Amino acid sequence: MKSPPIVSRSLRSKRWTDIDGNLAAIAWVVHHGYYGALPMKALVKGLRLRSGNVQVGDHALLESMFTETRFNGWAIGEVHVIDKKVMRMVGAIFRTERSF
């Protein structure tokens, strides 16, 4: 059985600032039909972390922020960390704020 095509329904973005109001991180997520985990061949599977436009880790790095790790396989998105101080705390940010 062939997988249904990935059809984007909306694009959401979010910005986080540091305590001084400076930009700390930007994230974007594509909402789609959510028919199940995306195939690896789609090359967009998972929420990914970037710093300086370089991917940090792999597509599974942020799995722990989902209620079930398998749900990361349904996600399409990236978190771009601007503030270098945030890199060591990025996991805590997303565990406490699930606004997408």
N, C-alpha and C. Protein backbone atom coordinates (compact mmCIF):
# COMPACT_ATOMS: atom_id res chain seq x y z
N MET A 1 0.85 -1.18 0.00
CA MET A 1 0.00 0.00 0.00
C MET A 1 0.89 1.24 0.00
N LYS A 2 0.60 2.16 -0.88
CA LYS A 2 1.38 3.39 -1.00
C LYS A 2 0.94 4.40 0.06
N SER A 3 1.94 5.09 0.63
CA SER A 3 1.64 6.13 1.62
C SER A 3 0.94 7.30 0.97
N PRO A 4 -0.01 7.94 1.69
CA PRO A 4 -0.65 9.13 1.14
C PRO A 4 0.37 10.25 1.02
N PRO A 5 0.19 11.16 0.07
CA PRO A 5 1.13 12.27 -0.07
C PRO A 5 1.09 13.19 1.15
N ILE A 6 2.21 13.83 1.42
CA ILE A 6 2.26 14.78 2.52
C ILE A 6 1.74 16.12 2.00
N VAL A 7 0.61 16.54 2.51
CA VAL A 7 0.00 17.79 2.08
C VAL A 7 0.02 18.76 3.26
N SER A 8 0.72 19.86 3.08
CA SER A 8 0.82 20.86 4.14
C SER A 8 -0.52 21.56 4.33
N ARG A 9 -0.96 21.64 5.58
CA ARG A 9 -2.21 22.33 5.90
C ARG A 9 -1.92 23.72 6.46
N SER A 10 -0.82 23.85 7.19
CA SER A 10 -0.44 25.16 7.73
C SER A 10 1.00 25.11 8.22
N LEU A 11 1.58 26.29 8.32
CA LEU A 11 2.92 26.46 8.84
C LEU A 11 2.82 27.36 10.06
N ARG A 12 3.32 26.89 11.19
CA ARG A 12 3.29 27.69 12.42
C ARG A 12 4.72 27.97 12.84
N SER A 13 4.94 29.13 13.38
CA SER A 13 6.27 29.47 13.88
C SER A 13 6.14 30.05 15.28
N LYS A 14 7.22 29.99 16.00
CA LYS A 14 7.25 30.51 17.37
C LYS A 14 8.64 31.07 17.63
N ARG A 15 8.69 32.14 18.41
CA ARG A 15 9.96 32.78 18.78
C ARG A 15 10.07 32.79 20.29
N TRP A 16 11.29 32.58 20.79
CA TRP A 16 11.56 32.68 22.21
C TRP A 16 12.63 33.73 22.41
N THR A 17 12.48 34.50 23.47
CA THR A 17 13.48 35.51 23.79
C THR A 17 14.13 35.18 25.13
N ASP A 18 15.32 35.75 25.32
CA ASP A 18 16.00 35.56 26.60
C ASP A 18 15.44 36.57 27.61
N ILE A 19 15.99 36.57 28.79
CA ILE A 19 15.49 37.43 29.87
C ILE A 19 15.61 38.91 29.53
N ASP A 20 16.55 39.27 28.63
CA ASP A 20 16.74 40.66 28.22
C ASP A 20 15.93 41.03 26.99
N GLY A 21 15.13 40.10 26.49
CA GLY A 21 14.30 40.37 25.32
C GLY A 21 14.98 40.11 23.99
N ASN A 22 16.20 39.56 24.01
CA ASN A 22 16.91 39.23 22.78
C ASN A 22 16.43 37.89 22.23
N LEU A 23 16.41 37.76 20.92
CA LEU A 23 15.97 36.52 20.28
C LEU A 23 16.86 35.36 20.71
N ALA A 24 16.26 34.28 21.20
CA ALA A 24 17.02 33.11 21.65
C ALA A 24 16.84 31.92 20.71
N ALA A 25 15.61 31.75 20.19
CA ALA A 25 15.34 30.61 19.30
C ALA A 25 14.10 30.89 18.46
N ILE A 26 14.08 30.26 17.30
CA ILE A 26 12.93 30.33 16.40
C ILE A 26 12.60 28.89 16.00
N ALA A 27 11.32 28.56 15.96
CA ALA A 27 10.91 27.22 15.54
C ALA A 27 9.82 27.33 14.49
N TRP A 28 9.77 26.34 13.62
CA TRP A 28 8.67 26.24 12.67
C TRP A 28 8.22 24.78 12.61
N VAL A 29 6.92 24.60 12.42
CA VAL A 29 6.32 23.27 12.31
C VAL A 29 5.30 23.31 11.18
N VAL A 30 5.34 22.30 10.33
CA VAL A 30 4.35 22.14 9.27
C VAL A 30 3.28 21.19 9.77
N HIS A 31 2.05 21.64 9.76
CA HIS A 31 0.93 20.76 10.10
C HIS A 31 0.40 20.15 8.80
N HIS A 32 0.15 18.85 8.87
CA HIS A 32 -0.29 18.10 7.68
C HIS A 32 -1.39 17.15 8.10
N GLY A 33 -1.69 16.16 7.32
CA GLY A 33 -2.79 15.24 7.61
C GLY A 33 -2.58 14.32 8.80
N TYR A 34 -1.36 14.13 9.26
CA TYR A 34 -1.03 13.25 10.39
C TYR A 34 -1.66 11.87 10.23
N TYR A 35 -1.38 11.24 9.09
CA TYR A 35 -1.91 9.89 8.84
C TYR A 35 -1.04 8.81 9.45
N GLY A 36 0.06 9.19 10.06
CA GLY A 36 0.97 8.22 10.67
C GLY A 36 2.39 8.73 10.53
N ALA A 37 3.32 7.89 10.93
CA ALA A 37 4.73 8.27 10.85
C ALA A 37 5.13 8.49 9.40
N LEU A 38 5.93 9.50 9.19
CA LEU A 38 6.40 9.80 7.84
C LEU A 38 7.49 8.80 7.45
N PRO A 39 7.55 8.42 6.18
CA PRO A 39 8.59 7.48 5.76
C PRO A 39 9.97 8.14 5.77
N MET A 40 11.00 7.37 6.07
CA MET A 40 12.37 7.90 6.09
C MET A 40 12.76 8.49 4.74
N LYS A 41 12.24 7.92 3.66
CA LYS A 41 12.61 8.41 2.33
C LYS A 41 12.06 9.82 2.07
N ALA A 42 11.15 10.30 2.89
CA ALA A 42 10.63 11.66 2.73
C ALA A 42 11.68 12.71 3.10
N LEU A 43 12.67 12.33 3.90
CA LEU A 43 13.78 13.20 4.31
C LEU A 43 13.33 14.42 5.14
N VAL A 44 12.13 14.39 5.67
CA VAL A 44 11.63 15.50 6.50
C VAL A 44 11.11 15.00 7.85
N LYS A 45 11.35 13.77 8.15
CA LYS A 45 10.79 13.14 9.35
C LYS A 45 11.41 13.69 10.63
N GLY A 46 10.59 14.11 11.55
CA GLY A 46 11.04 14.50 12.88
C GLY A 46 11.28 15.98 13.05
N LEU A 47 11.16 16.40 14.30
CA LEU A 47 11.49 17.77 14.68
C LEU A 47 13.00 17.81 14.88
N ARG A 48 13.67 18.73 14.21
CA ARG A 48 15.13 18.78 14.21
C ARG A 48 15.63 20.04 14.90
N LEU A 49 16.81 19.93 15.48
CA LEU A 49 17.44 21.03 16.18
C LEU A 49 18.60 21.55 15.34
N ARG A 50 18.69 22.87 15.21
CA ARG A 50 19.78 23.48 14.46
C ARG A 50 20.40 24.61 15.27
N SER A 51 21.70 24.78 15.05
CA SER A 51 22.43 25.91 15.62
C SER A 51 23.36 26.42 14.53
N GLY A 52 23.24 27.70 14.18
CA GLY A 52 24.04 28.23 13.08
C GLY A 52 23.72 27.56 11.76
N ASN A 53 22.48 27.13 11.58
CA ASN A 53 21.98 26.42 10.41
C ASN A 53 22.66 25.07 10.18
N VAL A 54 23.27 24.53 11.22
CA VAL A 54 23.86 23.19 11.16
C VAL A 54 23.01 22.30 12.06
N GLN A 55 22.59 21.15 11.54
CA GLN A 55 21.77 20.26 12.33
C GLN A 55 22.57 19.70 13.49
N VAL A 56 21.95 19.70 14.67
CA VAL A 56 22.55 19.15 15.88
C VAL A 56 21.93 17.78 16.11
N GLY A 57 22.72 16.74 16.14
CA GLY A 57 22.20 15.39 16.32
C GLY A 57 21.45 14.93 15.08
N ASP A 58 20.52 14.00 15.28
CA ASP A 58 19.73 13.49 14.15
C ASP A 58 18.26 13.82 14.35
N HIS A 59 17.41 13.24 13.50
CA HIS A 59 15.97 13.53 13.56
C HIS A 59 15.33 13.05 14.85
N ALA A 60 16.01 12.20 15.61
CA ALA A 60 15.44 11.64 16.83
C ALA A 60 15.87 12.40 18.10
N LEU A 61 16.69 13.41 17.98
CA LEU A 61 17.24 14.10 19.14
C LEU A 61 16.18 14.67 20.08
N LEU A 62 15.10 15.20 19.54
CA LEU A 62 14.07 15.84 20.37
C LEU A 62 12.87 14.93 20.67
N GLU A 63 13.03 13.62 20.47
CA GLU A 63 11.92 12.70 20.72
C GLU A 63 11.36 12.77 22.13
N SER A 64 12.20 13.05 23.10
CA SER A 64 11.76 13.03 24.49
C SER A 64 10.76 14.14 24.82
N MET A 65 10.63 15.13 23.96
CA MET A 65 9.67 16.20 24.24
C MET A 65 8.23 15.81 23.88
N PHE A 66 8.06 14.72 23.18
CA PHE A 66 6.73 14.25 22.78
C PHE A 66 6.18 13.32 23.86
N THR A 67 4.85 13.26 23.99
CA THR A 67 4.24 12.39 24.98
C THR A 67 4.60 10.93 24.72
N GLU A 68 4.76 10.56 23.47
CA GLU A 68 5.28 9.25 23.07
C GLU A 68 6.34 9.52 22.01
N THR A 69 7.50 8.90 22.14
CA THR A 69 8.60 9.20 21.23
C THR A 69 8.25 8.93 19.77
N ARG A 70 7.37 8.00 19.51
CA ARG A 70 7.00 7.69 18.12
C ARG A 70 6.33 8.87 17.42
N PHE A 71 5.73 9.78 18.19
CA PHE A 71 5.05 10.92 17.58
C PHE A 71 6.02 11.88 16.90
N ASN A 72 7.29 11.85 17.27
CA ASN A 72 8.27 12.67 16.56
C ASN A 72 8.33 12.26 15.09
N GLY A 73 8.08 11.00 14.78
CA GLY A 73 8.08 10.51 13.41
C GLY A 73 6.95 11.08 12.57
N TRP A 74 5.99 11.71 13.21
CA TRP A 74 4.87 12.33 12.51
C TRP A 74 5.15 13.80 12.24
N ALA A 75 6.16 14.35 12.90
CA ALA A 75 6.42 15.79 12.88
C ALA A 75 7.31 16.21 11.71
N ILE A 76 7.11 17.46 11.27
CA ILE A 76 7.98 18.11 10.30
C ILE A 76 8.26 19.49 10.87
N GLY A 77 9.51 19.76 11.20
CA GLY A 77 9.84 21.07 11.73
C GLY A 77 11.28 21.19 12.18
N GLU A 78 11.64 22.40 12.53
CA GLU A 78 12.99 22.68 12.99
C GLU A 78 12.96 23.73 14.09
N VAL A 79 13.92 23.62 15.00
CA VAL A 79 14.15 24.62 16.03
C VAL A 79 15.53 25.18 15.76
N HIS A 80 15.59 26.48 15.48
CA HIS A 80 16.87 27.15 15.23
C HIS A 80 17.24 27.94 16.48
N VAL A 81 18.31 27.50 17.15
CA VAL A 81 18.76 28.17 18.37
C VAL A 81 19.74 29.27 17.98
N ILE A 82 19.42 30.49 18.36
CA ILE A 82 20.24 31.65 18.04
C ILE A 82 21.23 31.93 19.16
N ASP A 83 20.75 31.90 20.38
CA ASP A 83 21.55 32.21 21.56
C ASP A 83 22.34 30.97 21.98
N LYS A 84 23.65 31.05 21.97
CA LYS A 84 24.50 29.91 22.30
C LYS A 84 24.28 29.41 23.73
N LYS A 85 23.87 30.29 24.64
CA LYS A 85 23.61 29.88 26.01
C LYS A 85 22.42 28.94 26.11
N VAL A 86 21.55 29.03 25.15
CA VAL A 86 20.33 28.23 25.18
C VAL A 86 20.59 26.78 24.79
N MET A 87 21.62 26.53 24.00
CA MET A 87 21.87 25.18 23.51
C MET A 87 21.86 24.14 24.63
N ARG A 88 22.44 24.45 25.76
CA ARG A 88 22.48 23.46 26.84
C ARG A 88 21.16 23.36 27.58
N MET A 89 20.24 24.30 27.35
CA MET A 89 18.97 24.28 28.05
C MET A 89 17.78 24.02 27.12
N VAL A 90 18.03 23.77 25.85
CA VAL A 90 16.94 23.69 24.88
C VAL A 90 15.94 22.58 25.22
N GLY A 91 16.39 21.48 25.75
CA GLY A 91 15.47 20.42 26.14
C GLY A 91 14.47 20.88 27.17
N ALA A 92 14.91 21.64 28.15
CA ALA A 92 14.02 22.14 29.20
C ALA A 92 12.98 23.10 28.63
N ILE A 93 13.36 23.91 27.67
CA ILE A 93 12.43 24.86 27.06
C ILE A 93 11.26 24.12 26.44
N PHE A 94 11.53 23.07 25.70
CA PHE A 94 10.46 22.38 24.98
C PHE A 94 9.69 21.40 25.84
N ARG A 95 10.26 20.96 26.93
CA ARG A 95 9.49 20.10 27.84
C ARG A 95 8.45 20.91 28.60
N THR A 96 8.70 22.20 28.82
CA THR A 96 7.77 23.02 29.58
C THR A 96 6.80 23.80 28.70
N GLU A 97 7.11 23.94 27.41
CA GLU A 97 6.25 24.73 26.52
C GLU A 97 5.93 23.93 25.27
N ARG A 98 4.72 23.40 25.21
CA ARG A 98 4.28 22.61 24.06
C ARG A 98 3.14 23.35 23.38
N SER A 99 3.45 24.45 22.74
CA SER A 99 2.39 25.30 22.23
C SER A 99 2.11 25.11 20.75
N PHE A 100 2.74 24.16 20.11
CA PHE A 100 2.45 23.93 18.70
C PHE A 100 1.25 23.02 18.61
